[in-house]
Amino acid sequence: MDQHIAEAIGRPDLIRLDDRLVCLRFETMKAVSALAAVRHLLDTGVVRRGDTLLDSSSGIYAYALALACHRHGMRCHIVGSTTVDRTLCAQLAVLGATLERMEPCDDLKLDQKRRVERIHEILAEHPEYHWMRQYHDDIHYLGYRAVAERIRRSTGGGSALTVVGGVGSGASTGALARYLREDSPDVELVGVQPFGSVTFGAEHVADPEIIIAGIGSSIPFGNVSHASYDTLHWISFDAALAGSVDLLRRHAVFAGLSTGAGYLAARWERSRAPERTVLFIAADTGHRYVDSVYARHGEAAAVDSLAPRQVTARAELALPWSRMHWNRAPGGRPPVHRNN
């Protein structure tokens, strides 16, 4: 029996959508990393019960950290983006977390920069606060070991497995690849990015709709292990919308926009490798996207009509969907070209 709701929220469901396509579905994925990170900090004496944990968030991590603080008797202070919606604001307030929302800003890079600057101001005023550094401290990898073990048991040992997920901070996909490859080095990792993200060099291509929150970044993230990824997909808002709608219509999985992008990439990878099981990550539910995605279901393109543009250099990236072999190249180094 769980001792706190955060433990239940962080436990994923494994759903086999067909014989070679599996969905790893979370209610709130970052609860996994936040719970394990806070527990580790307490166990190692870095923080004590009653201390204040501090971080910046566009929404989901704020909720996860607030839950972890509630679970372990900590205080929580969040510097939040304007994307933190009314529902989440109310939850954070009742959970006892302090939320500072930044002024509205259309420039994501400026928004993230201002939030980090505010973090440093708070630390100068309160040096006793502990900055969680969700984007840069690989303590956030720890919670995914148990998830990897469950995947291994459920998919027959992890052999001939491809994992697909939004890159974001790098913790979830990077950790799953690290732990799964301990027993099965041939596990492949496919990262999903929005256009405009700097993480793998797509900042020169703008999406006219939106940069998909949670899977890209306008600033470098230390938790991203570029050398973990075999393949990258850059997917536009419109293509991700089509994936989200199809996932709900075809498989009744109601998930966020990043999941729609991951589902689209996973379907493609499955078609390219009939011998492999493809697992994609559904990081959260679709409730935040009712108006922006699901209410527009009539606009969704048929997923069978969509296909990525295969590119060999980042200069060739183009909307609505591009795919590149990354071949586990370190960050900043162009990937080696492959023909298939």
C-alpha atoms as a PDB file:
ATOM      1  CA  MET A   1       0.000   0.000   0.000  1.00  0.00           C
ATOM      2  CA  ASP A   2       1.296   3.460  -0.881  1.00  0.00           C
ATOM      3  CA  GLN A   3       2.119   5.827   1.962  1.00  0.00           C
ATOM      4  CA  HIS A   4       1.426   8.984  -0.046  1.00  0.00           C
ATOM      5  CA  ILE A   5      -0.518   9.926  -3.177  1.00  0.00           C
ATOM      6  CA  ALA A   6       2.727  11.019  -4.887  1.00  0.00           C
ATOM      7  CA  GLU A   7       3.851   7.394  -5.010  1.00  0.00           C
ATOM      8  CA  ALA A   8       0.684   6.354  -6.832  1.00  0.00           C
ATOM      9  CA  ILE A   9       0.809   9.337  -9.186  1.00  0.00           C
ATOM     10  CA  GLY A  10       4.390   8.527 -10.128  1.00  0.00           C
ATOM     11  CA  ARG A  11       3.799   4.850 -10.860  1.00  0.00           C
ATOM     12  CA  PRO A  12       3.353   4.335 -14.617  1.00  0.00           C
ATOM     13  CA  ASP A  13       1.052   2.016 -16.521  1.00  0.00           C
ATOM     14  CA  LEU A  14       2.457  -0.196 -19.277  1.00  0.00           C
ATOM     15  CA  ILE A  15      -0.107  -0.528 -22.052  1.00  0.00           C
ATOM     16  CA  ARG A  16       0.432  -2.761 -25.080  1.00  0.00           C
ATOM     17  CA  LEU A  17      -1.253  -0.950 -27.970  1.00  0.00           C
ATOM     18  CA  ASP A  18      -0.403  -3.726 -30.399  1.00  0.00           C
ATOM     19  CA  ASP A  19       2.131  -6.534 -30.630  1.00  0.00           C
ATOM     20  CA  ARG A  20       5.158  -4.210 -30.980  1.00  0.00           C
ATOM     21  CA  LEU A  21       3.968  -0.841 -29.708  1.00  0.00           C
ATOM     22  CA  VAL A  22       3.887  -0.148 -25.954  1.00  0.00           C
ATOM     23  CA  CYS A  23       2.851   3.008 -24.110  1.00  0.00           C
ATOM     24  CA  LEU A  24       4.534   3.873 -20.796  1.00  0.00           C
ATOM     25  CA  ARG A  25       1.791   6.086 -19.371  1.00  0.00           C
ATOM     26  CA  PHE A  26       2.247   8.380 -16.387  1.00  0.00           C
ATOM     27  CA  GLU A  27      -0.243  10.616 -14.665  1.00  0.00           C
ATOM     28  CA  THR A  28       2.629  12.961 -13.779  1.00  0.00           C
ATOM     29  CA  MET A  29       6.004  11.556 -14.785  1.00  0.00           C
ATOM     30  CA  LYS A  30       8.216  14.035 -12.927  1.00  0.00           C
ATOM     31  CA  ALA A  31       6.817  12.851  -9.608  1.00  0.00           C
ATOM     32  CA  VAL A  32       9.146   9.867 -10.102  1.00  0.00           C
ATOM     33  CA  SER A  33      12.280  11.997 -10.325  1.00  0.00           C
ATOM     34  CA  ALA A  34      11.240  14.544  -7.675  1.00  0.00           C
ATOM     35  CA  LEU A  35      10.380  11.899  -5.059  1.00  0.00           C
ATOM     36  CA  ALA A  36      13.627  10.005  -5.523  1.00  0.00           C
ATOM     37  CA  ALA A  37      15.714  13.183  -5.598  1.00  0.00           C
ATOM     38  CA  VAL A  38      14.239  14.548  -2.372  1.00  0.00           C
ATOM     39  CA  ARG A  39      14.546  11.167  -0.659  1.00  0.00           C
ATOM     40  CA  HIS A  40      18.225  10.968  -1.660  1.00  0.00           C
ATOM     41  CA  LEU A  41      18.927  14.487  -0.397  1.00  0.00           C
ATOM     42  CA  LEU A  42      17.360  13.606   2.948  1.00  0.00           C
ATOM     43  CA  ASP A  43      19.156  10.257   3.209  1.00  0.00           C
ATOM     44  CA  THR A  44      22.541  11.828   2.481  1.00  0.00           C
ATOM     45  CA  GLY A  45      22.002  14.734   4.873  1.00  0.00           C
ATOM     46  CA  VAL A  46      22.127  17.443   2.227  1.00  0.00           C
ATOM     47  CA  VAL A  47      18.745  18.719   3.450  1.00  0.00           C
ATOM     48  CA  ARG A  48      16.584  18.127   6.505  1.00  0.00           C
ATOM     49  CA  ARG A  49      12.841  17.963   7.047  1.00  0.00           C
ATOM     50  CA  GLY A  50      11.442  21.475   7.174  1.00  0.00           C
ATOM     51  CA  ASP A  51      14.011  22.928   4.752  1.00  0.00           C
ATOM     52  CA  THR A  52      12.901  24.842   1.669  1.00  0.00           C
ATOM     53  CA  LEU A  53      13.472  23.363  -1.787  1.00  0.00           C
ATOM     54  CA  LEU A  54      13.612  25.796  -4.678  1.00  0.00           C
ATOM     55  CA  ASP A  55      13.359  25.481  -8.448  1.00  0.00           C
ATOM     56  CA  SER A  56      12.067  26.957 -11.675  1.00  0.00           C
ATOM     57  CA  SER A  57       9.289  25.249 -13.627  1.00  0.00           C
ATOM     58  CA  SER A  58       6.924  25.681 -16.545  1.00  0.00           C
ATOM     59  CA  GLY A  59       4.333  23.585 -14.702  1.00  0.00           C
ATOM     60  CA  ILE A  60       4.687  19.821 -14.323  1.00  0.00           C
ATOM     61  CA  TYR A  61       7.862  19.803 -12.238  1.00  0.00           C
ATOM     62  CA  ALA A  62       6.327  22.401  -9.924  1.00  0.00           C
ATOM     63  CA  TYR A  63       3.522  19.981  -9.131  1.00  0.00           C
ATOM     64  CA  ALA A  64       5.914  17.047  -8.743  1.00  0.00           C
ATOM     65  CA  LEU A  65       8.224  18.923  -6.389  1.00  0.00           C
ATOM     66  CA  ALA A  66       5.275  20.214  -4.346  1.00  0.00           C
ATOM     67  CA  LEU A  67       4.062  16.620  -3.946  1.00  0.00           C
ATOM     68  CA  ALA A  68       7.529  15.407  -2.932  1.00  0.00           C
ATOM     69  CA  CYS A  69       7.841  18.223  -0.389  1.00  0.00           C
ATOM     70  CA  HIS A  70       4.401  17.403   0.994  1.00  0.00           C
ATOM     71  CA  ARG A  71       5.401  13.742   1.267  1.00  0.00           C
ATOM     72  CA  HIS A  72       8.633  14.462   3.149  1.00  0.00           C
ATOM     73  CA  GLY A  73       7.681  17.476   5.245  1.00  0.00           C
ATOM     74  CA  MET A  74       9.610  20.063   3.242  1.00  0.00           C
ATOM     75  CA  ARG A  75       8.787  23.588   2.116  1.00  0.00           C
ATOM     76  CA  CYS A  76       8.566  24.299  -1.604  1.00  0.00           C
ATOM     77  CA  HIS A  77       9.248  27.529  -3.498  1.00  0.00           C
ATOM     78  CA  ILE A  78       8.651  27.665  -7.257  1.00  0.00           C
ATOM     79  CA  VAL A  79       9.587  30.371  -9.749  1.00  0.00           C
ATOM     80  CA  GLY A  80       6.982  29.623 -12.377  1.00  0.00           C
ATOM     81  CA  SER A  81       6.405  30.389 -16.019  1.00  0.00           C
ATOM     82  CA  THR A  82       3.194  32.011 -17.182  1.00  0.00           C
ATOM     83  CA  THR A  83       2.282  28.549 -18.536  1.00  0.00           C
ATOM     84  CA  VAL A  84       1.398  27.493 -14.971  1.00  0.00           C
ATOM     85  CA  ASP A  85      -2.378  27.324 -15.330  1.00  0.00           C
ATOM     86  CA  ARG A  86      -5.169  28.217 -12.920  1.00  0.00           C
ATOM     87  CA  THR A  87      -5.810  24.623 -11.848  1.00  0.00           C
ATOM     88  CA  LEU A  88      -2.169  24.028 -10.978  1.00  0.00           C
ATOM     89  CA  CYS A  89      -1.910  27.366  -9.168  1.00  0.00           C
ATOM     90  CA  ALA A  90      -4.773  26.317  -6.907  1.00  0.00           C
ATOM     91  CA  GLN A  91      -3.224  22.888  -6.231  1.00  0.00           C
ATOM     92  CA  LEU A  92       0.158  24.391  -5.387  1.00  0.00           C
ATOM     93  CA  ALA A  93      -1.442  26.876  -2.983  1.00  0.00           C
ATOM     94  CA  VAL A  94      -3.372  24.191  -1.121  1.00  0.00           C
ATOM     95  CA  LEU A  95      -0.298  21.937  -0.974  1.00  0.00           C
ATOM     96  CA  GLY A  96       1.533  24.772   0.757  1.00  0.00           C
ATOM     97  CA  ALA A  97       3.966  25.600  -2.057  1.00  0.00           C
ATOM     98  CA  THR A  98       4.912  29.210  -2.739  1.00  0.00           C
ATOM     99  CA  LEU A  99       4.600  30.169  -6.407  1.00  0.00           C
ATOM    100  CA  GLU A 100       6.178  33.235  -7.971  1.00  0.00           C
ATOM    101  CA  ARG A 101       4.856  33.693 -11.506  1.00  0.00           C
ATOM    102  CA  MET A 102       6.987  35.680 -13.905  1.00  0.00           C
ATOM    103  CA  GLU A 103       5.493  38.449 -16.005  1.00  0.00           C
ATOM    104  CA  PRO A 104       4.074  37.348 -19.388  1.00  0.00           C
ATOM    105  CA  CYS A 105       6.732  36.927 -22.084  1.00  0.00           C
ATOM    106  CA  ASP A 106       6.449  35.720 -25.687  1.00  0.00           C
ATOM    107  CA  ASP A 107      10.157  34.858 -25.818  1.00  0.00           C
ATOM    108  CA  LEU A 108      10.774  31.430 -24.239  1.00  0.00           C
ATOM    109  CA  LYS A 109      14.529  32.008 -23.974  1.00  0.00           C
ATOM    110  CA  LEU A 110      13.979  35.291 -22.164  1.00  0.00           C
ATOM    111  CA  ASP A 111      11.357  33.667 -19.913  1.00  0.00           C
ATOM    112  CA  GLN A 112      13.750  30.891 -18.875  1.00  0.00           C
ATOM    113  CA  LYS A 113      16.626  33.359 -18.433  1.00  0.00           C
ATOM    114  CA  ARG A 114      14.520  35.595 -16.183  1.00  0.00           C
ATOM    115  CA  ARG A 115      13.407  32.640 -14.064  1.00  0.00           C
ATOM    116  CA  VAL A 116      17.009  31.536 -13.517  1.00  0.00           C
ATOM    117  CA  GLU A 117      18.005  35.101 -12.636  1.00  0.00           C
ATOM    118  CA  ARG A 118      15.208  35.180 -10.068  1.00  0.00           C
ATOM    119  CA  ILE A 119      16.433  31.880  -8.606  1.00  0.00           C
ATOM    120  CA  HIS A 120      19.841  33.461  -7.995  1.00  0.00           C
ATOM    121  CA  GLU A 121      18.226  36.498  -6.367  1.00  0.00           C
ATOM    122  CA  ILE A 122      16.271  34.251  -4.004  1.00  0.00           C
ATOM    123  CA  LEU A 123      19.386  32.241  -3.129  1.00  0.00           C
ATOM    124  CA  ALA A 124      21.241  35.462  -2.331  1.00  0.00           C
ATOM    125  CA  GLU A 125      18.418  36.403   0.049  1.00  0.00           C
ATOM    126  CA  HIS A 126      17.997  32.852   1.423  1.00  0.00           C
ATOM    127  CA  PRO A 127      21.263  30.889   1.146  1.00  0.00           C
ATOM    128  CA  GLU A 128      19.701  28.157   3.293  1.00  0.00           C
ATOM    129  CA  TYR A 129      17.314  27.210   0.463  1.00  0.00           C
ATOM    130  CA  HIS A 130      18.311  24.194  -1.640  1.00  0.00           C
ATOM    131  CA  TRP A 131      18.112  24.658  -5.419  1.00  0.00           C
ATOM    132  CA  MET A 132      16.961  21.392  -7.006  1.00  0.00           C
ATOM    133  CA  ARG A 133      18.421  22.216 -10.450  1.00  0.00           C
ATOM    134  CA  GLN A 134      16.088  19.846 -12.283  1.00  0.00           C
ATOM    135  CA  TYR A 135      17.766  20.653 -15.611  1.00  0.00           C
ATOM    136  CA  HIS A 136      21.360  20.143 -14.483  1.00  0.00           C
ATOM    137  CA  ASP A 137      21.597  17.704 -11.554  1.00  0.00           C
ATOM    138  CA  ASP A 138      21.494  14.025 -12.494  1.00  0.00           C
ATOM    139  CA  ILE A 139      20.065  13.229  -9.069  1.00  0.00           C
ATOM    140  CA  HIS A 140      16.831  13.390 -11.094  1.00  0.00           C
ATOM    141  CA  TYR A 141      17.862  10.192 -12.904  1.00  0.00           C
ATOM    142  CA  LEU A 142      17.540   8.067  -9.749  1.00  0.00           C
ATOM    143  CA  GLY A 143      13.779   7.540  -9.735  1.00  0.00           C
ATOM    144  CA  TYR A 144      13.773   5.928 -13.166  1.00  0.00           C
ATOM    145  CA  ARG A 145      15.766   2.848 -12.166  1.00  0.00           C
ATOM    146  CA  ALA A 146      12.626   1.152 -10.824  1.00  0.00           C
ATOM    147  CA  VAL A 147      10.756   2.139 -14.000  1.00  0.00           C
ATOM    148  CA  ALA A 148      13.508   0.606 -16.135  1.00  0.00           C
ATOM    149  CA  GLU A 149      13.356  -2.614 -14.120  1.00  0.00           C
ATOM    150  CA  ARG A 150       9.619  -2.815 -14.694  1.00  0.00           C
ATOM    151  CA  ILE A 151      10.078  -2.259 -18.426  1.00  0.00           C
ATOM    152  CA  ARG A 152      12.722  -4.975 -18.496  1.00  0.00           C
ATOM    153  CA  ARG A 153      10.402  -7.477 -16.809  1.00  0.00           C
ATOM    154  CA  SER A 154       7.433  -6.606 -18.997  1.00  0.00           C
ATOM    155  CA  THR A 155       9.215  -6.614 -22.359  1.00  0.00           C
ATOM    156  CA  GLY A 156      11.194  -9.808 -21.978  1.00  0.00           C
ATOM    157  CA  GLY A 157      14.525  -8.567 -20.718  1.00  0.00           C
ATOM    158  CA  GLY A 158      14.868  -5.387 -22.784  1.00  0.00           C
ATOM    159  CA  SER A 159      16.445  -6.986 -25.864  1.00  0.00           C
ATOM    160  CA  ALA A 160      15.408  -5.599 -29.252  1.00  0.00           C
ATOM    161  CA  LEU A 161      13.772  -2.651 -27.501  1.00  0.00           C
ATOM    162  CA  THR A 162      13.520   0.937 -28.728  1.00  0.00           C
ATOM    163  CA  VAL A 163      12.560   3.662 -26.241  1.00  0.00           C
ATOM    164  CA  VAL A 164      10.998   6.864 -27.609  1.00  0.00           C
ATOM    165  CA  GLY A 165      10.398   9.996 -25.557  1.00  0.00           C
ATOM    166  CA  GLY A 166      10.563  13.768 -25.388  1.00  0.00           C
ATOM    167  CA  VAL A 167      14.055  14.915 -24.454  1.00  0.00           C
ATOM    168  CA  GLY A 168      13.151  17.888 -22.253  1.00  0.00           C
ATOM    169  CA  SER A 169      15.511  18.070 -19.289  1.00  0.00           C
ATOM    170  CA  GLY A 170      17.120  14.789 -20.391  1.00  0.00           C
ATOM    171  CA  ALA A 171      16.379  12.945 -17.148  1.00  0.00           C
ATOM    172  CA  SER A 172      13.664  10.487 -18.149  1.00  0.00           C
ATOM    173  CA  THR A 173      14.972   9.237 -21.496  1.00  0.00           C
ATOM    174  CA  GLY A 174      18.609   9.474 -20.442  1.00  0.00           C
ATOM    175  CA  ALA A 175      17.995   7.540 -17.234  1.00  0.00           C
ATOM    176  CA  LEU A 176      15.897   4.830 -18.868  1.00  0.00           C
ATOM    177  CA  ALA A 177      18.574   4.284 -21.513  1.00  0.00           C
ATOM    178  CA  ARG A 178      21.323   4.185 -18.884  1.00  0.00           C
ATOM    179  CA  TYR A 179      19.586   1.636 -16.672  1.00  0.00           C
ATOM    180  CA  LEU A 180      18.182  -0.552 -19.467  1.00  0.00           C
ATOM    181  CA  ARG A 181      21.570  -0.721 -21.208  1.00  0.00           C
ATOM    182  CA  GLU A 182      23.227  -2.099 -18.086  1.00  0.00           C
ATOM    183  CA  ASP A 183      21.831  -5.500 -19.134  1.00  0.00           C
ATOM    184  CA  SER A 184      20.997  -4.827 -22.794  1.00  0.00           C
ATOM    185  CA  PRO A 185      23.444  -2.487 -24.559  1.00  0.00           C
ATOM    186  CA  ASP A 186      21.460  -2.778 -27.807  1.00  0.00           C
ATOM    187  CA  VAL A 187      18.479  -0.850 -26.385  1.00  0.00           C
ATOM    188  CA  GLU A 188      17.961   2.069 -28.757  1.00  0.00           C
ATOM    189  CA  LEU A 189      16.948   5.547 -27.650  1.00  0.00           C
ATOM    190  CA  VAL A 190      14.945   7.902 -29.845  1.00  0.00           C
ATOM    191  CA  GLY A 191      14.600  11.491 -28.689  1.00  0.00           C
ATOM    192  CA  VAL A 192      11.741  13.787 -29.662  1.00  0.00           C
ATOM    193  CA  GLN A 193      12.265  17.534 -29.938  1.00  0.00           C
ATOM    194  CA  PRO A 194      10.215  20.567 -30.989  1.00  0.00           C
ATOM    195  CA  PHE A 195      11.536  22.899 -33.643  1.00  0.00           C
ATOM    196  CA  GLY A 196      13.207  25.917 -32.062  1.00  0.00           C
ATOM    197  CA  SER A 197      14.931  23.880 -29.339  1.00  0.00           C
ATOM    198  CA  VAL A 198      18.664  24.414 -28.864  1.00  0.00           C
ATOM    199  CA  THR A 199      19.291  20.982 -27.319  1.00  0.00           C
ATOM    200  CA  PHE A 200      20.171  19.276 -30.598  1.00  0.00           C
ATOM    201  CA  GLY A 201      20.660  22.368 -32.729  1.00  0.00           C
ATOM    202  CA  ALA A 202      17.214  23.244 -34.114  1.00  0.00           C
ATOM    203  CA  GLU A 203      17.003  26.809 -32.835  1.00  0.00           C
ATOM    204  CA  HIS A 204      17.155  28.155 -36.414  1.00  0.00           C
ATOM    205  CA  VAL A 205      13.786  26.584 -37.345  1.00  0.00           C
ATOM    206  CA  ALA A 206      10.750  28.250 -35.797  1.00  0.00           C
ATOM    207  CA  ASP A 207       7.358  26.590 -35.361  1.00  0.00           C
ATOM    208  CA  PRO A 208       4.673  29.194 -36.138  1.00  0.00           C
ATOM    209  CA  GLU A 209       2.266  27.564 -33.674  1.00  0.00           C
ATOM    210  CA  ILE A 210       4.208  26.887 -30.469  1.00  0.00           C
ATOM    211  CA  ILE A 211       7.335  25.324 -29.007  1.00  0.00           C
ATOM    212  CA  ILE A 212       5.987  22.225 -27.287  1.00  0.00           C
ATOM    213  CA  ALA A 213       6.532  22.735 -23.564  1.00  0.00           C
ATOM    214  CA  GLY A 214       8.468  20.084 -21.697  1.00  0.00           C
ATOM    215  CA  ILE A 215      10.385  18.428 -24.538  1.00  0.00           C
ATOM    216  CA  GLY A 216      12.583  21.256 -25.816  1.00  0.00           C
ATOM    217  CA  SER A 217      14.602  24.122 -24.453  1.00  0.00           C
ATOM    218  CA  SER A 218      15.872  27.556 -25.377  1.00  0.00           C
ATOM    219  CA  ILE A 219      18.914  27.158 -23.082  1.00  0.00           C
ATOM    220  CA  PRO A 220      21.398  24.257 -22.708  1.00  0.00           C
ATOM    221  CA  PHE A 221      20.509  21.611 -20.105  1.00  0.00           C
ATOM    222  CA  GLY A 222      23.251  19.768 -18.227  1.00  0.00           C
ATOM    223  CA  ASN A 223      21.145  16.633 -17.713  1.00  0.00           C
ATOM    224  CA  VAL A 224      20.953  15.901 -21.441  1.00  0.00           C
ATOM    225  CA  SER A 225      23.412  13.139 -22.357  1.00  0.00           C
ATOM    226  CA  HIS A 226      23.630  13.638 -26.119  1.00  0.00           C
ATOM    227  CA  ALA A 227      25.673  10.473 -26.504  1.00  0.00           C
ATOM    228  CA  SER A 228      22.737   8.380 -25.281  1.00  0.00           C
ATOM    229  CA  TYR A 229      20.552   9.007 -28.355  1.00  0.00           C
ATOM    230  CA  ASP A 230      20.532   6.908 -31.513  1.00  0.00           C
ATOM    231  CA  THR A 231      17.922   8.904 -33.451  1.00  0.00           C
ATOM    232  CA  LEU A 232      16.209  12.293 -33.185  1.00  0.00           C
ATOM    233  CA  HIS A 233      12.784  13.411 -34.401  1.00  0.00           C
ATOM    234  CA  TRP A 234      11.819  17.092 -34.601  1.00  0.00           C
ATOM    235  CA  ILE A 235       8.031  17.380 -34.678  1.00  0.00           C
ATOM    236  CA  SER A 236       5.846  20.452 -35.147  1.00  0.00           C
ATOM    237  CA  PHE A 237       2.791  21.410 -33.119  1.00  0.00           C
ATOM    238  CA  ASP A 238       0.422  20.440 -35.951  1.00  0.00           C
ATOM    239  CA  ALA A 239       1.994  16.997 -36.384  1.00  0.00           C
ATOM    240  CA  ALA A 240       1.976  16.408 -32.613  1.00  0.00           C
ATOM    241  CA  LEU A 241      -1.690  17.443 -32.496  1.00  0.00           C
ATOM    242  CA  ALA A 242      -2.444  14.805 -35.129  1.00  0.00           C
ATOM    243  CA  GLY A 243      -0.590  12.206 -33.057  1.00  0.00           C
ATOM    244  CA  SER A 244      -2.403  13.125 -29.844  1.00  0.00           C
ATOM    245  CA  VAL A 245      -5.826  12.940 -31.476  1.00  0.00           C
ATOM    246  CA  ASP A 246      -5.044   9.625 -33.186  1.00  0.00           C
ATOM    247  CA  LEU A 247      -3.743   8.121 -29.947  1.00  0.00           C
ATOM    248  CA  LEU A 248      -7.001   8.970 -28.198  1.00  0.00           C
ATOM    249  CA  ARG A 249      -9.212   7.937 -31.115  1.00  0.00           C
ATOM    250  CA  ARG A 250      -7.415   4.684 -31.917  1.00  0.00           C
ATOM    251  CA  HIS A 251      -6.237   3.555 -28.469  1.00  0.00           C
ATOM    252  CA  ALA A 252      -8.296   5.665 -25.984  1.00  0.00           C
ATOM    253  CA  VAL A 253      -5.117   7.069 -24.386  1.00  0.00           C
ATOM    254  CA  PHE A 254      -5.725  10.679 -23.311  1.00  0.00           C
ATOM    255  CA  ALA A 255      -2.310  12.276 -22.983  1.00  0.00           C
ATOM    256  CA  GLY A 256      -0.400  15.513 -23.495  1.00  0.00           C
ATOM    257  CA  LEU A 257       0.944  17.076 -26.645  1.00  0.00           C
ATOM    258  CA  SER A 258       4.484  15.753 -26.154  1.00  0.00           C
ATOM    259  CA  THR A 259       2.987  12.254 -26.036  1.00  0.00           C
ATOM    260  CA  GLY A 260       1.327  12.823 -29.391  1.00  0.00           C
ATOM    261  CA  ALA A 261       4.739  13.696 -30.816  1.00  0.00           C
ATOM    262  CA  GLY A 262       6.304  10.619 -29.214  1.00  0.00           C
ATOM    263  CA  TYR A 263       3.521   8.372 -30.496  1.00  0.00           C
ATOM    264  CA  LEU A 264       4.048   9.669 -34.035  1.00  0.00           C
ATOM    265  CA  ALA A 265       7.791   8.988 -33.825  1.00  0.00           C
ATOM    266  CA  ALA A 266       7.228   5.561 -32.255  1.00  0.00           C
ATOM    267  CA  ARG A 267       4.874   4.487 -35.040  1.00  0.00           C
ATOM    268  CA  TRP A 268       7.513   5.439 -37.587  1.00  0.00           C
ATOM    269  CA  GLU A 269      10.327   3.641 -35.765  1.00  0.00           C
ATOM    270  CA  ARG A 270       8.188   0.521 -35.479  1.00  0.00           C
ATOM    271  CA  SER A 271       7.573   0.550 -39.237  1.00  0.00           C
ATOM    272  CA  ARG A 272      11.338   0.799 -39.857  1.00  0.00           C
ATOM    273  CA  ALA A 273      12.353  -2.060 -37.537  1.00  0.00           C
ATOM    274  CA  PRO A 274       9.839  -4.934 -37.569  1.00  0.00           C
ATOM    275  CA  GLU A 275      12.014  -7.009 -35.238  1.00  0.00           C
ATOM    276  CA  ARG A 276      11.956  -4.468 -32.398  1.00  0.00           C
ATOM    277  CA  THR A 277       9.443  -3.587 -29.685  1.00  0.00           C
ATOM    278  CA  VAL A 278       8.949   0.176 -29.521  1.00  0.00           C
ATOM    279  CA  LEU A 279       7.989   1.804 -26.210  1.00  0.00           C
ATOM    280  CA  PHE A 280       7.047   5.473 -26.049  1.00  0.00           C
ATOM    281  CA  ILE A 281       6.645   7.678 -22.986  1.00  0.00           C
ATOM    282  CA  ALA A 282       3.359   9.419 -22.145  1.00  0.00           C
ATOM    283  CA  ALA A 283       4.544  11.915 -19.542  1.00  0.00           C
ATOM    284  CA  ASP A 284       1.211  13.367 -18.436  1.00  0.00           C
ATOM    285  CA  THR A 285      -2.516  13.388 -19.128  1.00  0.00           C
ATOM    286  CA  GLY A 286      -4.271  15.495 -21.748  1.00  0.00           C
ATOM    287  CA  HIS A 287      -6.243  17.736 -19.410  1.00  0.00           C
ATOM    288  CA  ARG A 288      -4.017  20.783 -19.969  1.00  0.00           C
ATOM    289  CA  TYR A 289      -4.512  20.436 -23.703  1.00  0.00           C
ATOM    290  CA  VAL A 290      -8.287  20.250 -23.998  1.00  0.00           C
ATOM    291  CA  ASP A 291      -8.635  23.702 -25.554  1.00  0.00           C
ATOM    292  CA  SER A 292      -5.363  23.931 -27.465  1.00  0.00           C
ATOM    293  CA  VAL A 293      -5.356  20.377 -28.899  1.00  0.00           C
ATOM    294  CA  TYR A 294      -8.402  18.182 -28.352  1.00  0.00           C
ATOM    295  CA  ALA A 295     -11.012  20.847 -29.085  1.00  0.00           C
ATOM    296  CA  ARG A 296      -9.289  21.139 -32.479  1.00  0.00           C
ATOM    297  CA  HIS A 297      -9.575  17.444 -33.305  1.00  0.00           C
ATOM    298  CA  GLY A 298     -11.385  18.245 -36.533  1.00  0.00           C
ATOM    299  CA  GLU A 299      -8.195  19.894 -37.828  1.00  0.00           C
ATOM    300  CA  ALA A 300      -6.011  16.846 -37.172  1.00  0.00           C
ATOM    301  CA  ALA A 301      -4.303  15.328 -40.191  1.00  0.00           C
ATOM    302  CA  ALA A 302      -4.456  11.570 -40.677  1.00  0.00           C
ATOM    303  CA  VAL A 303      -1.282  10.150 -39.139  1.00  0.00           C
ATOM    304  CA  ASP A 304      -0.849   7.729 -42.046  1.00  0.00           C
ATOM    305  CA  SER A 305      -0.434  10.750 -44.333  1.00  0.00           C
ATOM    306  CA  LEU A 306       2.490  12.074 -42.288  1.00  0.00           C
ATOM    307  CA  ALA A 307       6.126  11.048 -42.701  1.00  0.00           C
ATOM    308  CA  PRO A 308       9.399  12.599 -41.575  1.00  0.00           C
ATOM    309  CA  ARG A 309      11.947  14.210 -43.807  1.00  0.00           C
ATOM    310  CA  GLN A 310      15.152  12.214 -43.378  1.00  0.00           C
ATOM    311  CA  VAL A 311      18.056  14.617 -42.918  1.00  0.00           C
ATOM    312  CA  THR A 312      21.801  14.197 -42.505  1.00  0.00           C
ATOM    313  CA  ALA A 313      22.602  17.689 -41.247  1.00  0.00           C
ATOM    314  CA  ARG A 314      20.796  20.097 -38.975  1.00  0.00           C
ATOM    315  CA  ALA A 315      20.823  22.729 -41.716  1.00  0.00           C
ATOM    316  CA  GLU A 316      18.332  20.500 -43.575  1.00  0.00           C
ATOM    317  CA  LEU A 317      15.732  20.483 -40.772  1.00  0.00           C
ATOM    318  CA  ALA A 318      12.284  21.535 -41.937  1.00  0.00           C
ATOM    319  CA  LEU A 319       8.717  21.536 -40.652  1.00  0.00           C
ATOM    320  CA  PRO A 320       6.501  19.681 -40.017  1.00  0.00           C
ATOM    321  CA  TRP A 321       8.660  16.654 -39.172  1.00  0.00           C
ATOM    322  CA  SER A 322      12.323  15.775 -39.584  1.00  0.00           C
ATOM    323  CA  ARG A 323      14.334  12.734 -38.548  1.00  0.00           C
ATOM    324  CA  MET A 324      18.094  12.313 -38.138  1.00  0.00           C
ATOM    325  CA  HIS A 325      20.387   9.481 -37.088  1.00  0.00           C
ATOM    326  CA  TRP A 326      22.336  10.847 -34.125  1.00  0.00           C
ATOM    327  CA  ASN A 327      24.389   7.672 -33.586  1.00  0.00           C
ATOM    328  CA  ARG A 328      25.159   8.432 -29.914  1.00  0.00           C
ATOM    329  CA  ALA A 329      27.335  11.396 -30.853  1.00  0.00           C
ATOM    330  CA  PRO A 330      28.432  13.669 -28.011  1.00  0.00           C
ATOM    331  CA  GLY A 331      26.820  17.095 -27.741  1.00  0.00           C
ATOM    332  CA  GLY A 332      28.079  19.672 -30.221  1.00  0.00           C
ATOM    333  CA  ARG A 333      29.540  17.097 -32.608  1.00  0.00           C
ATOM    334  CA  PRO A 334      27.693  16.486 -35.895  1.00  0.00           C
ATOM    335  CA  PRO A 335      26.370  12.938 -36.115  1.00  0.00           C
ATOM    336  CA  VAL A 336      27.914  10.418 -38.474  1.00  0.00           C
ATOM    337  CA  HIS A 337      25.824   9.924 -41.626  1.00  0.00           C
ATOM    338  CA  ARG A 338      24.006   6.643 -42.074  1.00  0.00           C
ATOM    339  CA  ASN A 339      21.980   5.664 -45.130  1.00  0.00           C
ATOM    340  CA  ASN A 340      19.126   3.671 -43.576  1.00  0.00           C
END
